[in-house]
Amino acid sequence: MDMIKVSANSRTSAVAGAIAGVVREHKRAEVQAIGAGAVNQAVKALALATGYLKGDEIHVVCVPEFVDVDIEGKVRTAIKLVVEPR
């Protein structure tokens, strides 16, 4: 299962569809965002994905975590959202 990476320019509906699809297939999704704009898009996408999954009677919970990510030799702190069925 790949990490779903979100940027400030990501389309909310596309990310939501990816989250819902991964949860349906793997029963778990991980979403990663660095920066306020990216975290905003990720949270909006998560809210939308929750609605998509309710149609399939899949109710999810989200556990946020901090993770360190190496980008071009520099360590950045990212937010990781772990999405799993309740």
PDB file of N, CA and C in Angstrom:
ATOM      1  N   MET A   1       0.844  -1.178   0.000  1.00  0.00           N
ATOM      2  CA  MET A   1       0.000   0.000   0.000  1.00  0.00           C
ATOM      3  C   MET A   1       0.887   1.237   0.000  1.00  0.00           C
ATOM      4  N   ASP A   2       0.625   2.125  -0.929  1.00  0.00           N
ATOM      5  CA  ASP A   2       1.405   3.354  -1.032  1.00  0.00           C
ATOM      6  C   ASP A   2       0.822   4.448  -0.151  1.00  0.00           C
ATOM      7  N   MET A   3       1.692   5.356   0.244  1.00  0.00           N
ATOM      8  CA  MET A   3       1.287   6.541   0.990  1.00  0.00           C
ATOM      9  C   MET A   3       0.589   7.498   0.025  1.00  0.00           C
ATOM     10  N   ILE A   4      -0.528   8.072   0.431  1.00  0.00           N
ATOM     11  CA  ILE A   4      -1.208   9.088  -0.372  1.00  0.00           C
ATOM     12  C   ILE A   4      -0.622  10.422   0.043  1.00  0.00           C
ATOM     13  N   LYS A   5       0.100  11.060  -0.869  1.00  0.00           N
ATOM     14  CA  LYS A   5       0.756  12.327  -0.559  1.00  0.00           C
ATOM     15  C   LYS A   5      -0.088  13.481  -1.066  1.00  0.00           C
ATOM     16  N   VAL A   6      -0.306  14.452  -0.195  1.00  0.00           N
ATOM     17  CA  VAL A   6      -1.187  15.571  -0.509  1.00  0.00           C
ATOM     18  C   VAL A   6      -0.383  16.862  -0.482  1.00  0.00           C
ATOM     19  N   SER A   7      -0.604  17.711  -1.473  1.00  0.00           N
ATOM     20  CA  SER A   7       0.017  19.038  -1.492  1.00  0.00           C
ATOM     21  C   SER A   7      -1.083  20.087  -1.364  1.00  0.00           C
ATOM     22  N   ALA A   8      -0.682  21.315  -1.203  1.00  0.00           N
ATOM     23  CA  ALA A   8      -1.648  22.411  -1.093  1.00  0.00           C
ATOM     24  C   ALA A   8      -2.453  22.562  -2.379  1.00  0.00           C
ATOM     25  N   ASN A   9      -1.910  22.085  -3.500  1.00  0.00           N
ATOM     26  CA  ASN A   9      -2.579  22.203  -4.794  1.00  0.00           C
ATOM     27  C   ASN A   9      -3.371  20.960  -5.194  1.00  0.00           C
ATOM     28  N   SER A  10      -3.401  19.950  -4.318  1.00  0.00           N
ATOM     29  CA  SER A  10      -4.130  18.722  -4.634  1.00  0.00           C
ATOM     30  C   SER A  10      -5.626  18.993  -4.722  1.00  0.00           C
ATOM     31  N   ARG A  11      -6.273  18.308  -5.661  1.00  0.00           N
ATOM     32  CA  ARG A  11      -7.739  18.414  -5.780  1.00  0.00           C
ATOM     33  C   ARG A  11      -8.383  17.583  -4.682  1.00  0.00           C
ATOM     34  N   THR A  12      -9.220  18.211  -3.895  1.00  0.00           N
ATOM     35  CA  THR A  12      -9.848  17.549  -2.754  1.00  0.00           C
ATOM     36  C   THR A  12     -10.603  16.299  -3.174  1.00  0.00           C
ATOM     37  N   SER A  13     -11.384  16.380  -4.241  1.00  0.00           N
ATOM     38  CA  SER A  13     -12.190  15.228  -4.653  1.00  0.00           C
ATOM     39  C   SER A  13     -11.321  14.072  -5.129  1.00  0.00           C
ATOM     40  N   ALA A  14     -10.206  14.371  -5.765  1.00  0.00           N
ATOM     41  CA  ALA A  14      -9.301  13.307  -6.229  1.00  0.00           C
ATOM     42  C   ALA A  14      -8.651  12.597  -5.044  1.00  0.00           C
ATOM     43  N   VAL A  15      -8.232  13.366  -4.052  1.00  0.00           N
ATOM     44  CA  VAL A  15      -7.628  12.769  -2.851  1.00  0.00           C
ATOM     45  C   VAL A  15      -8.674  11.951  -2.102  1.00  0.00           C
ATOM     46  N   ALA A  16      -9.892  12.475  -2.000  1.00  0.00           N
ATOM     47  CA  ALA A  16     -10.969  11.753  -1.314  1.00  0.00           C
ATOM     48  C   ALA A  16     -11.245  10.419  -2.004  1.00  0.00           C
ATOM     49  N   GLY A  17     -11.284  10.427  -3.316  1.00  0.00           N
ATOM     50  CA  GLY A  17     -11.492   9.193  -4.068  1.00  0.00           C
ATOM     51  C   GLY A  17     -10.368   8.192  -3.837  1.00  0.00           C
ATOM     52  N   ALA A  18      -9.143   8.701  -3.764  1.00  0.00           N
ATOM     53  CA  ALA A  18      -7.993   7.825  -3.503  1.00  0.00           C
ATOM     54  C   ALA A  18      -8.084   7.216  -2.105  1.00  0.00           C
ATOM     55  N   ILE A  19      -8.426   8.025  -1.125  1.00  0.00           N
ATOM     56  CA  ILE A  19      -8.558   7.518   0.245  1.00  0.00           C
ATOM     57  C   ILE A  19      -9.636   6.435   0.299  1.00  0.00           C
ATOM     58  N   ALA A  20     -10.796   6.726  -0.261  1.00  0.00           N
ATOM     59  CA  ALA A  20     -11.897   5.759  -0.234  1.00  0.00           C
ATOM     60  C   ALA A  20     -11.514   4.468  -0.957  1.00  0.00           C
ATOM     61  N   GLY A  21     -10.872   4.592  -2.097  1.00  0.00           N
ATOM     62  CA  GLY A  21     -10.466   3.409  -2.846  1.00  0.00           C
ATOM     63  C   GLY A  21      -9.466   2.543  -2.098  1.00  0.00           C
ATOM     64  N   VAL A  22      -8.492   3.175  -1.479  1.00  0.00           N
ATOM     65  CA  VAL A  22      -7.475   2.421  -0.727  1.00  0.00           C
ATOM     66  C   VAL A  22      -8.103   1.753   0.496  1.00  0.00           C
ATOM     67  N   VAL A  23      -8.983   2.459   1.191  1.00  0.00           N
ATOM     68  CA  VAL A  23      -9.643   1.860   2.357  1.00  0.00           C
ATOM     69  C   VAL A  23     -10.494   0.668   1.928  1.00  0.00           C
ATOM     70  N   ARG A  24     -11.211   0.797   0.817  1.00  0.00           N
ATOM     71  CA  ARG A  24     -12.025  -0.331   0.331  1.00  0.00           C
ATOM     72  C   ARG A  24     -11.154  -1.544  -0.006  1.00  0.00           C
ATOM     73  N   GLU A  25     -10.012  -1.276  -0.631  1.00  0.00           N
ATOM     74  CA  GLU A  25      -9.156  -2.378  -1.096  1.00  0.00           C
ATOM     75  C   GLU A  25      -8.268  -2.954  -0.001  1.00  0.00           C
ATOM     76  N   HIS A  26      -7.647  -2.083   0.807  1.00  0.00           N
ATOM     77  CA  HIS A  26      -6.648  -2.543   1.781  1.00  0.00           C
ATOM     78  C   HIS A  26      -7.102  -2.441   3.231  1.00  0.00           C
ATOM     79  N   LYS A  27      -8.307  -1.904   3.464  1.00  0.00           N
ATOM     80  CA  LYS A  27      -8.846  -1.723   4.817  1.00  0.00           C
ATOM     81  C   LYS A  27      -8.052  -0.721   5.648  1.00  0.00           C
ATOM     82  N   ARG A  28      -7.200   0.067   5.014  1.00  0.00           N
ATOM     83  CA  ARG A  28      -6.374   1.051   5.728  1.00  0.00           C
ATOM     84  C   ARG A  28      -5.758   1.985   4.702  1.00  0.00           C
ATOM     85  N   ALA A  29      -5.692   3.267   5.034  1.00  0.00           N
ATOM     86  CA  ALA A  29      -5.025   4.226   4.151  1.00  0.00           C
ATOM     87  C   ALA A  29      -4.155   5.141   4.999  1.00  0.00           C
ATOM     88  N   GLU A  30      -3.037   5.563   4.428  1.00  0.00           N
ATOM     89  CA  GLU A  30      -2.157   6.528   5.080  1.00  0.00           C
ATOM     90  C   GLU A  30      -2.019   7.737   4.164  1.00  0.00           C
ATOM     91  N   VAL A  31      -2.278   8.907   4.735  1.00  0.00           N
ATOM     92  CA  VAL A  31      -2.251  10.165   3.999  1.00  0.00           C
ATOM     93  C   VAL A  31      -1.177  11.036   4.628  1.00  0.00           C
ATOM     94  N   GLN A  32      -0.316  11.612   3.810  1.00  0.00           N
ATOM     95  CA  GLN A  32       0.786  12.438   4.318  1.00  0.00           C
ATOM     96  C   GLN A  32       0.708  13.839   3.737  1.00  0.00           C
ATOM     97  N   ALA A  33       0.909  14.841   4.601  1.00  0.00           N
ATOM     98  CA  ALA A  33       0.868  16.230   4.169  1.00  0.00           C
ATOM     99  C   ALA A  33       1.925  17.035   4.912  1.00  0.00           C
ATOM    100  N   ILE A  34       2.586  17.938   4.191  1.00  0.00           N
ATOM    101  CA  ILE A  34       3.588  18.826   4.786  1.00  0.00           C
ATOM    102  C   ILE A  34       3.150  20.256   4.525  1.00  0.00           C
ATOM    103  N   GLY A  35       2.945  21.007   5.587  1.00  0.00           N
ATOM    104  CA  GLY A  35       2.549  22.405   5.459  1.00  0.00           C
ATOM    105  C   GLY A  35       1.059  22.603   5.692  1.00  0.00           C
ATOM    106  N   ALA A  36       0.712  23.819   6.080  1.00  0.00           N
ATOM    107  CA  ALA A  36      -0.667  24.126   6.448  1.00  0.00           C
ATOM    108  C   ALA A  36      -1.643  23.921   5.294  1.00  0.00           C
ATOM    109  N   GLY A  37      -1.293  24.360   4.104  1.00  0.00           N
ATOM    110  CA  GLY A  37      -2.185  24.215   2.952  1.00  0.00           C
ATOM    111  C   GLY A  37      -2.434  22.757   2.607  1.00  0.00           C
ATOM    112  N   ALA A  38      -1.390  21.954   2.682  1.00  0.00           N
ATOM    113  CA  ALA A  38      -1.520  20.529   2.373  1.00  0.00           C
ATOM    114  C   ALA A  38      -2.352  19.813   3.439  1.00  0.00           C
ATOM    115  N   VAL A  39      -2.140  20.157   4.696  1.00  0.00           N
ATOM    116  CA  VAL A  39      -2.924  19.543   5.773  1.00  0.00           C
ATOM    117  C   VAL A  39      -4.397  19.930   5.619  1.00  0.00           C
ATOM    118  N   ASN A  40      -4.660  21.169   5.254  1.00  0.00           N
ATOM    119  CA  ASN A  40      -6.028  21.618   5.021  1.00  0.00           C
ATOM    120  C   ASN A  40      -6.698  20.777   3.930  1.00  0.00           C
ATOM    121  N   GLN A  41      -6.017  20.587   2.812  1.00  0.00           N
ATOM    122  CA  GLN A  41      -6.564  19.785   1.713  1.00  0.00           C
ATOM    123  C   GLN A  41      -6.784  18.338   2.155  1.00  0.00           C
ATOM    124  N   ALA A  42      -5.857  17.798   2.930  1.00  0.00           N
ATOM    125  CA  ALA A  42      -5.962  16.413   3.382  1.00  0.00           C
ATOM    126  C   ALA A  42      -7.169  16.219   4.297  1.00  0.00           C
ATOM    127  N   VAL A  43      -7.389  17.163   5.207  1.00  0.00           N
ATOM    128  CA  VAL A  43      -8.512  17.036   6.136  1.00  0.00           C
ATOM    129  C   VAL A  43      -9.844  17.195   5.395  1.00  0.00           C
ATOM    130  N   LYS A  44      -9.914  18.123   4.449  1.00  0.00           N
ATOM    131  CA  LYS A  44     -11.134  18.270   3.658  1.00  0.00           C
ATOM    132  C   LYS A  44     -11.400  16.999   2.847  1.00  0.00           C
ATOM    133  N   ALA A  45     -10.353  16.419   2.283  1.00  0.00           N
ATOM    134  CA  ALA A  45     -10.495  15.183   1.517  1.00  0.00           C
ATOM    135  C   ALA A  45     -10.949  14.038   2.410  1.00  0.00           C
ATOM    136  N   LEU A  46     -10.436  13.988   3.614  1.00  0.00           N
ATOM    137  CA  LEU A  46     -10.837  12.943   4.562  1.00  0.00           C
ATOM    138  C   LEU A  46     -12.323  13.066   4.890  1.00  0.00           C
ATOM    139  N   ALA A  47     -12.806  14.278   5.097  1.00  0.00           N
ATOM    140  CA  ALA A  47     -14.228  14.486   5.375  1.00  0.00           C
ATOM    141  C   ALA A  47     -15.077  14.023   4.193  1.00  0.00           C
ATOM    142  N   LEU A  48     -14.639  14.320   2.991  1.00  0.00           N
ATOM    143  CA  LEU A  48     -15.362  13.910   1.791  1.00  0.00           C
ATOM    144  C   LEU A  48     -15.316  12.387   1.619  1.00  0.00           C
ATOM    145  N   ALA A  49     -14.163  11.788   1.849  1.00  0.00           N
ATOM    146  CA  ALA A  49     -14.006  10.335   1.729  1.00  0.00           C
ATOM    147  C   ALA A  49     -14.890   9.604   2.734  1.00  0.00           C
ATOM    148  N   THR A  50     -15.053  10.187   3.922  1.00  0.00           N
ATOM    149  CA  THR A  50     -15.920   9.587   4.937  1.00  0.00           C
ATOM    150  C   THR A  50     -17.340   9.448   4.396  1.00  0.00           C
ATOM    151  N   GLY A  51     -17.795  10.468   3.689  1.00  0.00           N
ATOM    152  CA  GLY A  51     -19.116  10.408   3.070  1.00  0.00           C
ATOM    153  C   GLY A  51     -19.196   9.354   1.982  1.00  0.00           C
ATOM    154  N   TYR A  52     -18.146   9.252   1.165  1.00  0.00           N
ATOM    155  CA  TYR A  52     -18.111   8.229   0.115  1.00  0.00           C
ATOM    156  C   TYR A  52     -18.219   6.826   0.726  1.00  0.00           C
ATOM    157  N   LEU A  53     -17.482   6.607   1.802  1.00  0.00           N
ATOM    158  CA  LEU A  53     -17.426   5.282   2.410  1.00  0.00           C
ATOM    159  C   LEU A  53     -18.701   4.936   3.175  1.00  0.00           C
ATOM    160  N   LYS A  54     -19.394   5.941   3.703  1.00  0.00           N
ATOM    161  CA  LYS A  54     -20.652   5.677   4.413  1.00  0.00           C
ATOM    162  C   LYS A  54     -21.665   5.034   3.483  1.00  0.00           C
ATOM    163  N   GLY A  55     -21.606   5.385   2.198  1.00  0.00           N
ATOM    164  CA  GLY A  55     -22.494   4.772   1.218  1.00  0.00           C
ATOM    165  C   GLY A  55     -22.286   3.269   1.103  1.00  0.00           C
ATOM    166  N   ASP A  56     -21.087   2.814   1.429  1.00  0.00           N
ATOM    167  CA  ASP A  56     -20.758   1.380   1.421  1.00  0.00           C
ATOM    168  C   ASP A  56     -20.834   0.789   2.826  1.00  0.00           C
ATOM    169  N   GLU A  57     -21.399   1.563   3.756  1.00  0.00           N
ATOM    170  CA  GLU A  57     -21.491   1.171   5.163  1.00  0.00           C
ATOM    171  C   GLU A  57     -20.129   0.875   5.786  1.00  0.00           C
ATOM    172  N   ILE A  58     -19.124   1.644   5.372  1.00  0.00           N
ATOM    173  CA  ILE A  58     -17.791   1.572   5.984  1.00  0.00           C
ATOM    174  C   ILE A  58     -17.616   2.865   6.771  1.00  0.00           C
ATOM    175  N   HIS A  59     -17.524   2.742   8.080  1.00  0.00           N
ATOM    176  CA  HIS A  59     -17.344   3.896   8.950  1.00  0.00           C
ATOM    177  C   HIS A  59     -15.881   3.923   9.384  1.00  0.00           C
ATOM    178  N   VAL A  60     -15.219   5.046   9.199  1.00  0.00           N
ATOM    179  CA  VAL A  60     -13.779   5.117   9.454  1.00  0.00           C
ATOM    180  C   VAL A  60     -13.449   6.065  10.606  1.00  0.00           C
ATOM    181  N   VAL A  61     -12.277   5.833  11.158  1.00  0.00           N
ATOM    182  CA  VAL A  61     -11.690   6.735  12.140  1.00  0.00           C
ATOM    183  C   VAL A  61     -10.332   7.157  11.606  1.00  0.00           C
ATOM    184  N   CYS A  62      -9.837   8.276  12.108  1.00  0.00           N
ATOM    185  CA  CYS A  62      -8.553   8.802  11.661  1.00  0.00           C
ATOM    186  C   CYS A  62      -7.675   9.060  12.874  1.00  0.00           C
ATOM    187  N   VAL A  63      -6.445   8.600  12.790  1.00  0.00           N
ATOM    188  CA  VAL A  63      -5.471   8.840  13.851  1.00  0.00           C
ATOM    189  C   VAL A  63      -4.338   9.671  13.251  1.00  0.00           C
ATOM    190  N   PRO A  64      -4.182  10.925  13.698  1.00  0.00           N
ATOM    191  CA  PRO A  64      -3.096  11.763  13.172  1.00  0.00           C
ATOM    192  C   PRO A  64      -1.794  11.490  13.915  1.00  0.00           C
ATOM    193  N   GLU A  65      -0.684  11.566  13.186  1.00  0.00           N
ATOM    194  CA  GLU A  65       0.649  11.358  13.762  1.00  0.00           C
ATOM    195  C   GLU A  65       1.615  12.352  13.138  1.00  0.00           C
ATOM    196  N   PHE A  66       2.671  12.697  13.875  1.00  0.00           N
ATOM    197  CA  PHE A  66       3.786  13.439  13.305  1.00  0.00           C
ATOM    198  C   PHE A  66       4.802  12.429  12.800  1.00  0.00           C
ATOM    199  N   VAL A  67       5.374  12.688  11.628  1.00  0.00           N
ATOM    200  CA  VAL A  67       6.453  11.849  11.106  1.00  0.00           C
ATOM    201  C   VAL A  67       7.533  12.748  10.520  1.00  0.00           C
ATOM    202  N   ASP A  68       8.775  12.309  10.609  1.00  0.00           N
ATOM    203  CA  ASP A  68       9.890  13.026   9.985  1.00  0.00           C
ATOM    204  C   ASP A  68      10.107  12.457   8.594  1.00  0.00           C
ATOM    205  N   VAL A  69      10.256  13.349   7.620  1.00  0.00           N
ATOM    206  CA  VAL A  69      10.420  12.958   6.217  1.00  0.00           C
ATOM    207  C   VAL A  69      11.696  13.603   5.690  1.00  0.00           C
ATOM    208  N   ASP A  70      12.518  12.827   4.990  1.00  0.00           N
ATOM    209  CA  ASP A  70      13.749  13.343   4.397  1.00  0.00           C
ATOM    210  C   ASP A  70      13.440  13.805   2.978  1.00  0.00           C
ATOM    211  N   ILE A  71      13.577  15.091   2.732  1.00  0.00           N
ATOM    212  CA  ILE A  71      13.359  15.652   1.401  1.00  0.00           C
ATOM    213  C   ILE A  71      14.637  16.359   0.973  1.00  0.00           C
ATOM    214  N   GLU A  72      15.294  15.779  -0.027  1.00  0.00           N
ATOM    215  CA  GLU A  72      16.542  16.329  -0.561  1.00  0.00           C
ATOM    216  C   GLU A  72      17.558  16.613   0.542  1.00  0.00           C
ATOM    217  N   GLY A  73      17.696  15.664   1.451  1.00  0.00           N
ATOM    218  CA  GLY A  73      18.690  15.782   2.514  1.00  0.00           C
ATOM    219  C   GLY A  73      18.266  16.619   3.704  1.00  0.00           C
ATOM    220  N   LYS A  74      17.077  17.174   3.675  1.00  0.00           N
ATOM    221  CA  LYS A  74      16.574  17.968   4.795  1.00  0.00           C
ATOM    222  C   LYS A  74      15.408  17.226   5.445  1.00  0.00           C
ATOM    223  N   VAL A  75      15.397  17.216   6.759  1.00  0.00           N
ATOM    224  CA  VAL A  75      14.326  16.547   7.493  1.00  0.00           C
ATOM    225  C   VAL A  75      13.197  17.542   7.733  1.00  0.00           C
ATOM    226  N   ARG A  76      11.998  17.158   7.307  1.00  0.00           N
ATOM    227  CA  ARG A  76      10.807  17.991   7.504  1.00  0.00           C
ATOM    228  C   ARG A  76       9.805  17.194   8.336  1.00  0.00           C
ATOM    229  N   THR A  77       8.996  17.884   9.065  1.00  0.00           N
ATOM    230  CA  THR A  77       7.958  17.228   9.843  1.00  0.00           C
ATOM    231  C   THR A  77       6.665  17.245   9.042  1.00  0.00           C
ATOM    232  N   ALA A  78       6.073  16.075   8.914  1.00  0.00           N
ATOM    233  CA  ALA A  78       4.817  15.935   8.177  1.00  0.00           C
ATOM    234  C   ALA A  78       3.727  15.445   9.123  1.00  0.00           C
ATOM    235  N   ILE A  79       2.506  15.623   8.695  1.00  0.00           N
ATOM    236  CA  ILE A  79       1.359  15.040   9.381  1.00  0.00           C
ATOM    237  C   ILE A  79       0.958  13.798   8.597  1.00  0.00           C
ATOM    238  N   LYS A  80       0.817  12.692   9.302  1.00  0.00           N
ATOM    239  CA  LYS A  80       0.331  11.460   8.677  1.00  0.00           C
ATOM    240  C   LYS A  80      -1.024  11.147   9.284  1.00  0.00           C
ATOM    241  N   LEU A  81      -2.003  10.954   8.423  1.00  0.00           N
ATOM    242  CA  LEU A  81      -3.349  10.583   8.853  1.00  0.00           C
ATOM    243  C   LEU A  81      -3.546   9.111   8.530  1.00  0.00           C
ATOM    244  N   VAL A  82      -3.745   8.304   9.558  1.00  0.00           N
ATOM    245  CA  VAL A  82      -3.995   6.879   9.369  1.00  0.00           C
ATOM    246  C   VAL A  82      -5.504   6.689   9.423  1.00  0.00           C
ATOM    247  N   VAL A  83      -6.067   6.175   8.343  1.00  0.00           N
ATOM    248  CA  VAL A  83      -7.519   6.023   8.205  1.00  0.00           C
ATOM    249  C   VAL A  83      -7.840   4.525   8.199  1.00  0.00           C
ATOM    250  N   GLU A  84      -8.694   4.109   9.149  1.00  0.00           N
ATOM    251  CA  GLU A  84      -9.051   2.696   9.275  1.00  0.00           C
ATOM    252  C   GLU A  84     -10.539   2.569   9.583  1.00  0.00           C
ATOM    253  N   PRO A  85     -11.131   1.420   9.238  1.00  0.00           N
ATOM    254  CA  PRO A  85     -12.523   1.189   9.607  1.00  0.00           C
ATOM    255  C   PRO A  85     -12.681   1.149  11.124  1.00  0.00           C
ATOM    256  N   ARG A  86     -13.830   1.612  11.596  1.00  0.00           N
ATOM    257  CA  ARG A  86     -14.115   1.639  13.025  1.00  0.00           C
ATOM    258  C   ARG A  86     -14.466   0.258  13.503  1.00  0.00           C
TER     259      ARG A  86
END
